Amino acid sequence: MSIPANIVEGRRQASEKEFARFLRIAINSGYELEYHLIVARDIGAISEADSASLLRELIEVRKMIHGLIKRLGGHPKERTPGTRV
């Protein structure tokens, strides 16, 4: 629920730059969801097949959000592993 909520909240902002900021937050929510799916799989709450399917869909959603950010001209921040942004 966090991913679409961030997109909706961002769309109501005054500028595309602010919208892009909320889209980046939505992407981060996607990474959080990825973690939860992995944990759910690991503890047996969902099957391996369901986990794999949901993770593929999640990756596609993140790709779409990245594409929207690129279209807005607000490229997602890239960071070097091990650094904090």
N, C-alpha and C. Protein backbone atom coordinates (compact mmCIF):
# COMPACT_ATOMS: atom_id res chain seq x y z
N MET A 1 0.82 -1.20 0.00
CA MET A 1 0.00 0.00 0.00
C MET A 1 0.86 1.26 0.00
N SER A 2 2.08 1.15 0.48
CA SER A 2 2.94 2.32 0.57
C SER A 2 3.36 2.86 -0.80
N ILE A 3 3.59 1.97 -1.75
CA ILE A 3 4.05 2.42 -3.07
C ILE A 3 3.01 3.31 -3.73
N PRO A 4 1.77 2.85 -3.92
CA PRO A 4 0.79 3.73 -4.56
C PRO A 4 0.45 4.97 -3.73
N ALA A 5 0.48 4.84 -2.40
CA ALA A 5 0.20 6.00 -1.55
C ALA A 5 1.23 7.10 -1.78
N ASN A 6 2.51 6.72 -1.91
CA ASN A 6 3.54 7.72 -2.18
C ASN A 6 3.38 8.35 -3.56
N ILE A 7 2.98 7.55 -4.52
CA ILE A 7 2.76 8.09 -5.87
C ILE A 7 1.62 9.10 -5.86
N VAL A 8 0.52 8.74 -5.21
CA VAL A 8 -0.63 9.65 -5.13
C VAL A 8 -0.26 10.93 -4.39
N GLU A 9 0.41 10.77 -3.26
CA GLU A 9 0.81 11.96 -2.49
C GLU A 9 1.75 12.84 -3.30
N GLY A 10 2.68 12.22 -4.00
CA GLY A 10 3.62 13.00 -4.81
C GLY A 10 2.95 13.73 -5.96
N ARG A 11 1.95 13.12 -6.54
CA ARG A 11 1.27 13.75 -7.68
C ARG A 11 0.58 15.04 -7.28
N ARG A 12 0.25 15.17 -6.02
CA ARG A 12 -0.43 16.37 -5.53
C ARG A 12 0.54 17.50 -5.19
N GLN A 13 1.83 17.28 -5.40
CA GLN A 13 2.83 18.31 -5.09
C GLN A 13 2.83 19.39 -6.17
N ALA A 14 3.45 20.50 -5.85
CA ALA A 14 3.40 21.67 -6.72
C ALA A 14 4.32 21.56 -7.94
N SER A 15 5.35 20.71 -7.88
CA SER A 15 6.29 20.65 -8.99
C SER A 15 6.61 19.20 -9.37
N GLU A 16 7.10 19.03 -10.58
CA GLU A 16 7.52 17.70 -11.02
C GLU A 16 8.74 17.23 -10.22
N LYS A 17 9.57 18.18 -9.78
CA LYS A 17 10.73 17.82 -8.97
C LYS A 17 10.28 17.18 -7.66
N GLU A 18 9.26 17.75 -7.03
CA GLU A 18 8.73 17.17 -5.80
C GLU A 18 8.05 15.84 -6.07
N PHE A 19 7.35 15.74 -7.20
CA PHE A 19 6.72 14.48 -7.58
C PHE A 19 7.80 13.40 -7.72
N ALA A 20 8.90 13.74 -8.38
CA ALA A 20 10.00 12.79 -8.55
C ALA A 20 10.56 12.35 -7.20
N ARG A 21 10.60 13.25 -6.24
CA ARG A 21 11.08 12.90 -4.90
C ARG A 21 10.18 11.84 -4.28
N PHE A 22 8.87 11.99 -4.41
CA PHE A 22 7.94 11.00 -3.87
C PHE A 22 8.03 9.69 -4.65
N LEU A 23 8.32 9.77 -5.94
CA LEU A 23 8.50 8.54 -6.70
C LEU A 23 9.73 7.78 -6.21
N ARG A 24 10.78 8.49 -5.85
CA ARG A 24 11.96 7.83 -5.28
C ARG A 24 11.62 7.17 -3.94
N ILE A 25 10.77 7.82 -3.17
CA ILE A 25 10.32 7.23 -1.91
C ILE A 25 9.52 5.96 -2.22
N ALA A 26 8.69 5.99 -3.25
CA ALA A 26 7.92 4.81 -3.64
C ALA A 26 8.85 3.66 -4.04
N ILE A 27 9.93 3.97 -4.75
CA ILE A 27 10.90 2.94 -5.11
C ILE A 27 11.50 2.33 -3.84
N ASN A 28 11.85 3.17 -2.88
CA ASN A 28 12.40 2.65 -1.62
C ASN A 28 11.38 1.78 -0.89
N SER A 29 10.11 2.14 -0.98
CA SER A 29 9.07 1.30 -0.40
C SER A 29 9.03 -0.05 -1.11
N GLY A 30 9.33 -0.05 -2.38
CA GLY A 30 9.41 -1.30 -3.13
C GLY A 30 10.52 -2.19 -2.62
N TYR A 31 11.65 -1.60 -2.27
CA TYR A 31 12.74 -2.40 -1.70
C TYR A 31 12.34 -2.96 -0.34
N GLU A 32 11.59 -2.19 0.42
CA GLU A 32 11.10 -2.67 1.71
C GLU A 32 10.15 -3.85 1.50
N LEU A 33 9.27 -3.73 0.52
CA LEU A 33 8.35 -4.82 0.21
C LEU A 33 9.12 -6.06 -0.24
N GLU A 34 10.18 -5.85 -1.03
CA GLU A 34 11.00 -6.99 -1.46
C GLU A 34 11.52 -7.76 -0.24
N TYR A 35 12.00 -7.03 0.73
CA TYR A 35 12.49 -7.66 1.97
C TYR A 35 11.39 -8.48 2.64
N HIS A 36 10.20 -7.89 2.75
CA HIS A 36 9.10 -8.59 3.40
C HIS A 36 8.72 -9.86 2.63
N LEU A 37 8.75 -9.80 1.31
CA LEU A 37 8.44 -10.99 0.51
C LEU A 37 9.48 -12.09 0.72
N ILE A 38 10.73 -11.69 0.80
CA ILE A 38 11.80 -12.68 1.04
C ILE A 38 11.64 -13.32 2.41
N VAL A 39 11.35 -12.51 3.41
CA VAL A 39 11.14 -13.05 4.76
C VAL A 39 9.91 -13.98 4.77
N ALA A 40 8.84 -13.55 4.12
CA ALA A 40 7.63 -14.38 4.09
C ALA A 40 7.92 -15.73 3.44
N ARG A 41 8.72 -15.72 2.38
CA ARG A 41 9.12 -16.97 1.73
C ARG A 41 9.98 -17.81 2.68
N ASP A 42 10.94 -17.17 3.31
CA ASP A 42 11.89 -17.89 4.16
C ASP A 42 11.23 -18.53 5.39
N ILE A 43 10.18 -17.91 5.90
CA ILE A 43 9.51 -18.49 7.06
C ILE A 43 8.34 -19.39 6.67
N GLY A 44 8.13 -19.55 5.37
CA GLY A 44 7.10 -20.45 4.88
C GLY A 44 5.70 -19.86 4.83
N ALA A 45 5.57 -18.54 4.96
CA ALA A 45 4.26 -17.91 4.91
C ALA A 45 3.70 -17.87 3.49
N ILE A 46 4.58 -17.85 2.50
CA ILE A 46 4.17 -17.94 1.10
C ILE A 46 5.10 -18.94 0.41
N SER A 47 4.61 -19.50 -0.67
CA SER A 47 5.39 -20.51 -1.39
C SER A 47 6.52 -19.86 -2.18
N GLU A 48 7.47 -20.68 -2.54
CA GLU A 48 8.59 -20.23 -3.39
C GLU A 48 8.06 -19.68 -4.71
N ALA A 49 7.09 -20.38 -5.29
CA ALA A 49 6.53 -19.95 -6.58
C ALA A 49 5.81 -18.60 -6.46
N ASP A 50 5.01 -18.45 -5.40
CA ASP A 50 4.31 -17.17 -5.20
C ASP A 50 5.32 -16.05 -4.96
N SER A 51 6.34 -16.33 -4.17
CA SER A 51 7.37 -15.34 -3.90
C SER A 51 8.06 -14.90 -5.18
N ALA A 52 8.44 -15.87 -6.01
CA ALA A 52 9.13 -15.54 -7.26
C ALA A 52 8.24 -14.70 -8.17
N SER A 53 6.98 -15.06 -8.25
CA SER A 53 6.04 -14.32 -9.09
C SER A 53 5.86 -12.89 -8.59
N LEU A 54 5.66 -12.74 -7.29
CA LEU A 54 5.48 -11.40 -6.72
C LEU A 54 6.74 -10.56 -6.85
N LEU A 55 7.90 -11.17 -6.68
CA LEU A 55 9.15 -10.41 -6.83
C LEU A 55 9.33 -9.94 -8.27
N ARG A 56 8.97 -10.78 -9.24
CA ARG A 56 9.06 -10.35 -10.65
C ARG A 56 8.14 -9.15 -10.90
N GLU A 57 6.93 -9.22 -10.37
CA GLU A 57 5.99 -8.11 -10.55
C GLU A 57 6.51 -6.85 -9.87
N LEU A 58 7.07 -6.99 -8.70
CA LEU A 58 7.61 -5.85 -7.98
C LEU A 58 8.75 -5.20 -8.76
N ILE A 59 9.61 -6.01 -9.34
CA ILE A 59 10.71 -5.47 -10.15
C ILE A 59 10.16 -4.68 -11.33
N GLU A 60 9.10 -5.17 -11.95
CA GLU A 60 8.48 -4.45 -13.06
C GLU A 60 7.90 -3.12 -12.61
N VAL A 61 7.28 -3.10 -11.44
CA VAL A 61 6.73 -1.84 -10.90
C VAL A 61 7.86 -0.85 -10.66
N ARG A 62 8.96 -1.30 -10.07
CA ARG A 62 10.09 -0.40 -9.83
C ARG A 62 10.65 0.14 -11.15
N LYS A 63 10.73 -0.72 -12.17
CA LYS A 63 11.20 -0.26 -13.48
C LYS A 63 10.28 0.82 -14.04
N MET A 64 8.98 0.64 -13.88
CA MET A 64 8.03 1.64 -14.38
C MET A 64 8.20 2.96 -13.65
N ILE A 65 8.40 2.90 -12.35
CA ILE A 65 8.59 4.13 -11.57
C ILE A 65 9.89 4.80 -11.97
N HIS A 66 10.96 4.01 -12.16
CA HIS A 66 12.22 4.59 -12.63
C HIS A 66 12.02 5.29 -13.97
N GLY A 67 11.25 4.66 -14.87
CA GLY A 67 10.97 5.27 -16.17
C GLY A 67 10.22 6.58 -16.04
N LEU A 68 9.28 6.64 -15.12
CA LEU A 68 8.53 7.88 -14.90
C LEU A 68 9.44 8.97 -14.35
N ILE A 69 10.31 8.60 -13.43
CA ILE A 69 11.27 9.58 -12.89
C ILE A 69 12.15 10.12 -14.01
N LYS A 70 12.63 9.23 -14.85
CA LYS A 70 13.49 9.64 -15.97
C LYS A 70 12.72 10.59 -16.90
N ARG A 71 11.48 10.26 -17.16
CA ARG A 71 10.65 11.11 -18.03
C ARG A 71 10.44 12.51 -17.42
N LEU A 72 10.37 12.57 -16.10
CA LEU A 72 10.20 13.85 -15.42
C LEU A 72 11.51 14.65 -15.36
N GLY A 73 12.61 13.97 -15.69
CA GLY A 73 13.90 14.65 -15.64
C GLY A 73 14.56 14.62 -14.27
N GLY A 74 14.03 13.84 -13.36
CA GLY A 74 14.60 13.74 -12.02
C GLY A 74 15.18 12.37 -11.80
N HIS A 75 16.32 12.10 -12.42
CA HIS A 75 16.94 10.78 -12.35
C HIS A 75 17.10 10.33 -10.91
N PRO A 76 16.82 9.04 -10.65
CA PRO A 76 17.01 8.55 -9.29
C PRO A 76 18.45 8.68 -8.87
N LYS A 77 18.66 8.98 -7.61
CA LYS A 77 20.01 9.10 -7.09
C LYS A 77 20.67 7.73 -7.12
N GLU A 78 21.90 7.69 -7.62
CA GLU A 78 22.66 6.46 -7.57
C GLU A 78 23.69 6.62 -6.49
N ARG A 79 23.98 5.52 -5.80
CA ARG A 79 24.96 5.61 -4.74
C ARG A 79 25.92 4.44 -4.84
N THR A 80 27.06 4.66 -4.30
CA THR A 80 28.07 3.61 -4.25
C THR A 80 27.75 2.70 -3.09
N PRO A 81 27.81 1.37 -3.32
CA PRO A 81 27.53 0.47 -2.19
C PRO A 81 28.39 0.82 -0.98
N GLY A 82 27.76 0.76 0.18
CA GLY A 82 28.48 1.06 1.42
C GLY A 82 28.42 2.53 1.83
N THR A 83 27.84 3.38 0.97
CA THR A 83 27.72 4.79 1.34
C THR A 83 26.29 5.10 1.71
N ARG A 84 26.11 6.08 2.52
CA ARG A 84 24.76 6.49 2.91
C ARG A 84 24.41 7.77 2.20
N VAL A 85 23.17 7.84 1.72
CA VAL A 85 22.69 9.04 1.04
C VAL A 85 21.58 9.63 1.85
